[in-house]
Amino acid sequence: MRVVSWNIHWGCGKDSRIRIHAIIDVLRKLNPDVICLQEVASNHPELEGGASANQFRQLSGAFGGYHAVIEPTSEIYQNNLPRQFGNLLLSKYRMTQVHRYMLPWPPDPDSPAGMPRGLIETVLEAPGGKLRLLTTHLEYYSKLQRMAQVQYLRYQHWEACERAKIFQPDPSLDAPFQLGYRPGSAIYCGDFNMLPGSDEYAALLAPGEGATLPLVDAWGLKNEQKHAPTAGLHGFAWPEKPDTYDYFFVTDDLAPRVTAMEVLSETAASDHQPIMLELA
């Protein structure tokens, strides 16, 4: 099982031109089973490079063998037309559930910038059994908001693990009540906008309660050196220096199955680098 996560910066490369085809070319060469993308735009001509096209549609159409889950966490209307910005998940595997969550966005007087953030959760019938795969993009400007979002991720993880423990199917219920099994086993990925060892990073990996499966940073499972930078490699204005913002976290029951965790540093199609996780 191969999963790629990538903040694509609405396809805007270091030359300030939008080339969604370059994003598509990189992804096709990687040939992942699941693709998790952040900063996908639609009808946003004011963004650098002019992101006026519907990139959700472009990317979904380019991967016809995948099922698409779209989550525009920001949806602003102008002349009654939606201007969307957010996350996209594409999967070759059969999905049995999809959940979309808006993350907390508490007011922060010290950080007026920011935007709504979200989380996509899917239950996949993957090799080795069902698992949850979740992708997100946390707040960058406000640590207060980012910490609130981390705590929400922890709550959702606790809830899933506890519900998995008590799950009992009941075929007598009407269809909307037949949610089906939602396992505790999970992969979390995306642009978390936090640095290794930060307070938010430590909070996400802190031990949970009850049936909560511990989360593990997948980088440390297959790499002895410190985290490789996932942004700041190709002369973009942001960030000031190369550093790590993008991660894969897995529940500890999946840790023995991790065979690779890589940062793919060659492409300059976005201000972030694609990251890739492989499970046996």
Protein backbone atom coordinates (compact mmCIF):
# COMPACT_ATOMS: atom_id res chain seq x y z
CA MET A 1 0.00 0.00 0.00
CA ARG A 2 1.48 3.31 -1.11
CA VAL A 3 0.11 6.66 0.10
CA VAL A 4 1.31 10.09 -1.04
CA SER A 5 0.49 13.31 0.81
CA TRP A 6 1.27 16.69 -0.76
CA ASN A 7 0.47 20.33 -0.13
CA ILE A 8 0.39 21.34 -3.80
CA HIS A 9 0.28 25.17 -3.27
CA TRP A 10 -2.56 25.27 -5.87
CA GLY A 11 -0.02 24.01 -8.41
CA CYS A 12 2.06 27.19 -8.27
CA GLY A 13 5.75 26.47 -8.79
CA LYS A 14 8.83 28.52 -7.98
CA ASP A 15 8.38 30.53 -11.21
CA SER A 16 4.95 31.74 -9.95
CA ARG A 17 3.17 29.86 -12.73
CA ILE A 18 0.40 27.32 -12.16
CA ARG A 19 1.06 23.97 -13.76
CA ILE A 20 -1.42 21.40 -12.49
CA HIS A 21 -0.12 19.05 -15.17
CA ALA A 22 3.26 19.05 -13.37
CA ILE A 23 1.55 17.93 -10.15
CA ILE A 24 -0.30 15.23 -12.08
CA ASP A 25 2.91 14.04 -13.77
CA VAL A 26 4.71 13.64 -10.43
CA LEU A 27 1.80 11.74 -8.92
CA ARG A 28 1.46 9.42 -11.91
CA LYS A 29 5.16 8.53 -11.72
CA LEU A 30 4.79 7.73 -8.02
CA ASN A 31 1.72 5.57 -8.77
CA PRO A 32 0.23 5.69 -5.26
CA ASP A 33 -2.83 3.75 -4.16
CA VAL A 34 -4.09 6.76 -2.20
CA ILE A 35 -3.40 10.45 -2.89
CA CYS A 36 -3.97 13.11 -0.20
CA LEU A 37 -3.68 16.73 -1.37
CA GLN A 38 -3.87 20.03 0.45
CA GLU A 39 -4.24 23.58 -0.92
CA VAL A 40 -6.38 22.64 -3.90
CA ALA A 41 -8.13 25.70 -5.36
CA SER A 42 -11.11 26.52 -7.56
CA ASN A 43 -12.12 29.93 -8.93
CA HIS A 44 -9.41 31.87 -7.09
CA PRO A 45 -7.85 34.06 -9.82
CA GLU A 46 -6.33 36.39 -7.20
CA LEU A 47 -3.96 33.70 -5.91
CA GLU A 48 -0.39 33.78 -7.18
CA GLY A 49 -0.38 32.55 -10.76
CA GLY A 50 -4.16 32.95 -11.10
CA ALA A 51 -5.90 29.80 -9.81
CA SER A 52 -9.10 30.35 -11.78
CA ALA A 53 -9.65 26.74 -12.90
CA ASN A 54 -11.48 24.10 -10.88
CA GLN A 55 -8.50 22.08 -9.67
CA PHE A 56 -10.70 19.63 -7.76
CA ARG A 57 -12.24 18.66 -11.09
CA GLN A 58 -8.93 18.68 -12.97
CA LEU A 59 -7.19 16.41 -10.48
CA SER A 60 -10.14 14.06 -10.05
CA GLY A 61 -10.49 13.75 -13.81
CA ALA A 62 -6.80 13.01 -14.27
CA PHE A 63 -7.08 9.94 -12.00
CA GLY A 64 -10.15 8.23 -13.37
CA GLY A 65 -9.46 4.93 -11.63
CA TYR A 66 -9.63 6.59 -8.22
CA HIS A 67 -12.63 7.57 -6.11
CA ALA A 68 -12.49 11.26 -5.17
CA VAL A 69 -13.40 12.83 -1.84
CA ILE A 70 -13.53 16.62 -2.04
CA GLU A 71 -13.40 18.88 1.00
CA PRO A 72 -13.29 22.62 0.24
CA THR A 73 -12.83 23.92 3.77
CA SER A 74 -13.08 27.50 2.53
CA GLU A 75 -16.05 28.29 0.28
CA ILE A 76 -16.66 31.96 -0.47
CA TYR A 77 -19.26 33.15 -2.97
CA GLN A 78 -18.78 35.93 -5.49
CA ASN A 79 -21.57 36.70 -7.99
CA ASN A 80 -23.22 33.54 -6.66
CA LEU A 81 -20.27 31.40 -7.77
CA PRO A 82 -18.26 29.34 -5.24
CA ARG A 83 -14.59 30.07 -4.70
CA GLN A 84 -13.20 26.96 -3.03
CA PHE A 85 -9.96 26.03 -1.30
CA GLY A 86 -9.15 22.88 0.64
CA ASN A 87 -8.36 19.18 0.59
CA LEU A 88 -8.78 16.33 -1.90
CA LEU A 89 -8.39 12.59 -1.35
CA LEU A 90 -8.19 10.06 -4.19
CA SER A 91 -8.24 6.31 -3.55
CA LYS A 92 -7.94 3.17 -5.65
CA TYR A 93 -9.24 1.14 -2.73
CA ARG A 94 -12.89 0.59 -1.97
CA MET A 95 -14.24 3.01 0.61
CA THR A 96 -16.90 1.96 3.08
CA GLN A 97 -17.21 5.29 4.92
CA VAL A 98 -16.30 8.94 4.45
CA HIS A 99 -16.46 11.61 7.15
CA ARG A 100 -15.65 15.30 6.74
CA TYR A 101 -14.89 17.41 9.81
CA MET A 102 -14.45 21.13 10.21
CA LEU A 103 -11.67 21.69 12.73
CA PRO A 104 -11.90 24.15 15.65
CA TRP A 105 -11.09 27.75 14.80
CA PRO A 106 -11.12 29.62 18.12
CA PRO A 107 -10.75 33.43 17.94
CA ASP A 108 -7.15 34.51 18.41
CA PRO A 109 -6.72 38.29 18.79
CA ASP A 110 -2.98 37.90 18.22
CA SER A 111 -3.50 36.24 14.83
CA PRO A 112 -6.16 37.85 12.62
CA ALA A 113 -5.01 35.85 9.58
CA GLY A 114 -6.04 32.27 8.94
CA MET A 115 -8.78 30.26 7.29
CA PRO A 116 -11.17 27.39 8.11
CA ARG A 117 -9.41 24.03 8.29
CA GLY A 118 -10.77 20.52 7.80
CA LEU A 119 -10.17 16.79 8.09
CA ILE A 120 -11.14 14.02 5.68
CA GLU A 121 -11.57 10.55 7.17
CA THR A 122 -12.07 7.47 5.02
CA VAL A 123 -12.47 3.82 5.95
CA LEU A 124 -10.64 1.78 3.32
CA GLU A 125 -10.68 -1.88 2.47
CA ALA A 126 -6.93 -1.99 2.11
CA PRO A 127 -4.53 -4.94 1.87
CA GLY A 128 -4.18 -6.34 5.36
CA GLY A 129 -7.67 -5.28 6.41
CA LYS A 130 -9.77 -2.21 6.99
CA LEU A 131 -8.14 0.95 8.27
CA ARG A 132 -8.93 4.63 8.58
CA LEU A 133 -6.95 7.05 6.45
CA LEU A 134 -7.21 10.71 7.39
CA THR A 135 -5.72 13.83 5.84
CA THR A 136 -5.69 17.39 7.09
CA HIS A 137 -4.09 20.82 6.86
CA LEU A 138 -3.73 22.61 10.20
CA GLU A 139 -3.54 26.35 10.84
CA TYR A 140 -0.19 28.02 10.20
CA TYR A 141 -0.49 31.50 11.71
CA SER A 142 -1.94 30.73 15.16
CA LYS A 143 -0.46 28.26 17.63
CA LEU A 144 -3.60 28.61 19.75
CA GLN A 145 -5.77 27.46 16.85
CA ARG A 146 -3.32 24.77 15.77
CA MET A 147 -3.23 23.30 19.28
CA ALA A 148 -7.04 23.29 19.40
CA GLN A 149 -7.04 21.42 16.11
CA VAL A 150 -4.52 18.88 17.40
CA GLN A 151 -6.71 18.26 20.45
CA TYR A 152 -9.68 17.73 18.14
CA LEU A 153 -7.71 15.15 16.15
CA ARG A 154 -6.93 13.39 19.42
CA TYR A 155 -10.60 13.40 20.37
CA GLN A 156 -11.67 11.95 17.01
CA HIS A 157 -9.00 9.26 17.32
CA TRP A 158 -10.14 8.38 20.85
CA GLU A 159 -13.77 8.26 19.69
CA ALA A 160 -12.97 5.93 16.78
CA CYS A 161 -10.96 3.55 18.98
CA GLU A 162 -13.64 3.44 21.67
CA ARG A 163 -16.45 2.91 19.14
CA ALA A 164 -14.46 0.14 17.45
CA LYS A 165 -14.19 -1.64 20.80
CA ILE A 166 -17.98 -1.75 21.30
CA PHE A 167 -19.11 -2.06 17.68
CA GLN A 168 -21.95 -4.52 17.08
CA PRO A 169 -23.62 -4.67 13.62
CA ASP A 170 -27.41 -4.51 13.60
CA PRO A 171 -28.91 -5.31 10.15
CA SER A 172 -32.42 -4.55 11.45
CA LEU A 173 -31.67 -0.81 11.47
CA ASP A 174 -32.54 1.50 8.59
CA ALA A 175 -29.68 2.08 6.16
CA PRO A 176 -28.49 5.49 7.48
CA PHE A 177 -27.92 3.92 10.91
CA GLN A 178 -25.80 1.08 9.53
CA LEU A 179 -22.50 2.88 9.71
CA GLY A 180 -20.44 -0.28 9.70
CA TYR A 181 -17.12 -0.95 11.37
CA ARG A 182 -14.86 2.05 11.84
CA PRO A 183 -11.49 0.65 12.99
CA GLY A 184 -9.09 2.21 15.41
CA SER A 185 -6.15 1.39 13.12
CA ALA A 186 -5.32 4.56 11.23
CA ILE A 187 -2.95 6.61 9.11
CA TYR A 188 -2.94 10.39 9.61
CA CYS A 189 -1.22 12.56 7.02
CA GLY A 190 -1.00 16.08 5.69
CA ASP A 191 0.45 19.49 6.31
CA PHE A 192 0.36 19.87 10.10
CA ASN A 193 2.21 23.21 10.13
CA MET A 194 4.17 22.17 13.22
CA LEU A 195 7.82 21.41 13.72
CA PRO A 196 9.23 18.16 15.13
CA GLY A 197 9.46 18.41 18.91
CA SER A 198 7.02 21.36 19.14
CA ASP A 199 4.31 21.49 21.79
CA GLU A 200 1.68 20.54 19.21
CA TYR A 201 3.77 17.62 17.96
CA ALA A 202 4.21 16.33 21.52
CA ALA A 203 0.49 16.78 22.24
CA LEU A 204 -0.55 14.75 19.20
CA LEU A 205 1.71 11.85 20.16
CA ALA A 206 0.95 11.92 23.90
CA PRO A 207 -0.54 8.70 25.35
CA GLY A 208 -4.32 8.47 25.11
CA GLU A 209 -6.97 6.96 27.35
CA GLY A 210 -8.91 3.72 27.29
CA ALA A 211 -8.79 1.83 24.00
CA THR A 212 -6.91 4.60 22.17
CA LEU A 213 -4.19 3.17 19.94
CA PRO A 214 -0.95 5.17 20.32
CA LEU A 215 0.16 7.25 17.34
CA VAL A 216 3.73 6.98 16.05
CA ASP A 217 5.63 9.32 13.73
CA ALA A 218 6.28 7.11 10.70
CA TRP A 219 9.49 8.96 9.85
CA GLY A 220 11.32 7.52 12.86
CA LEU A 221 10.27 3.97 11.98
CA LYS A 222 12.46 3.82 8.87
CA ASN A 223 14.88 6.74 9.15
CA GLU A 224 17.66 7.18 11.71
CA GLN A 225 18.50 10.76 10.78
CA LYS A 226 16.44 13.75 11.87
CA HIS A 227 13.33 14.68 9.89
CA ALA A 228 14.04 15.69 6.31
CA PRO A 229 12.64 19.11 5.37
CA THR A 230 9.34 19.07 3.51
CA ALA A 231 9.34 22.76 2.50
CA GLY A 232 11.88 25.47 1.68
CA LEU A 233 14.05 23.48 -0.74
CA HIS A 234 13.78 25.27 -4.07
CA GLY A 235 14.07 28.99 -3.46
CA PHE A 236 10.46 29.79 -2.59
CA ALA A 237 9.84 32.97 -0.56
CA TRP A 238 8.41 30.81 2.24
CA PRO A 239 9.68 29.46 4.57
CA GLU A 240 12.85 31.29 5.57
CA LYS A 241 14.78 28.02 5.78
CA PRO A 242 14.07 24.39 4.95
CA ASP A 243 12.05 22.64 7.65
CA THR A 244 9.51 19.88 8.32
CA TYR A 245 5.78 20.62 8.23
CA ASP A 246 4.32 17.48 6.59
CA TYR A 247 3.98 14.09 8.29
CA PHE A 248 2.61 10.60 8.34
CA PHE A 249 1.48 9.30 11.72
CA VAL A 250 0.33 5.68 12.13
CA THR A 251 -1.23 3.74 14.97
CA ASP A 252 1.29 1.48 16.65
CA ASP A 253 -0.43 -1.69 15.41
CA LEU A 254 0.42 -0.60 11.84
CA ALA A 255 4.02 0.33 12.68
CA PRO A 256 5.46 -3.17 11.91
CA ARG A 257 3.94 -2.93 8.42
CA VAL A 258 5.69 0.33 7.50
CA THR A 259 8.35 -0.44 4.89
CA ALA A 260 9.23 3.10 3.77
CA MET A 261 8.66 6.74 4.67
CA GLU A 262 10.24 9.26 2.30
CA VAL A 263 10.34 12.95 1.46
CA LEU A 264 10.57 13.34 -2.31
CA SER A 265 12.75 16.39 -2.61
CA GLU A 266 13.36 16.63 -6.38
CA THR A 267 10.24 18.40 -7.63
CA ALA A 268 9.76 22.18 -7.47
CA ALA A 269 6.11 22.03 -8.56
CA SER A 270 5.00 23.29 -5.11
CA ASP A 271 6.52 25.06 -2.12
CA HIS A 272 6.09 21.74 -0.26
CA GLN A 273 7.49 18.36 -1.20
CA PRO A 274 5.38 15.21 -1.63
CA ILE A 275 5.85 12.67 1.15
CA MET A 276 5.28 8.95 0.68
CA LEU A 277 4.43 6.09 3.04
CA GLU A 278 4.51 2.40 2.12
CA LEU A 279 2.93 -0.44 4.10
CA ALA A 280 3.43 -4.15 3.51
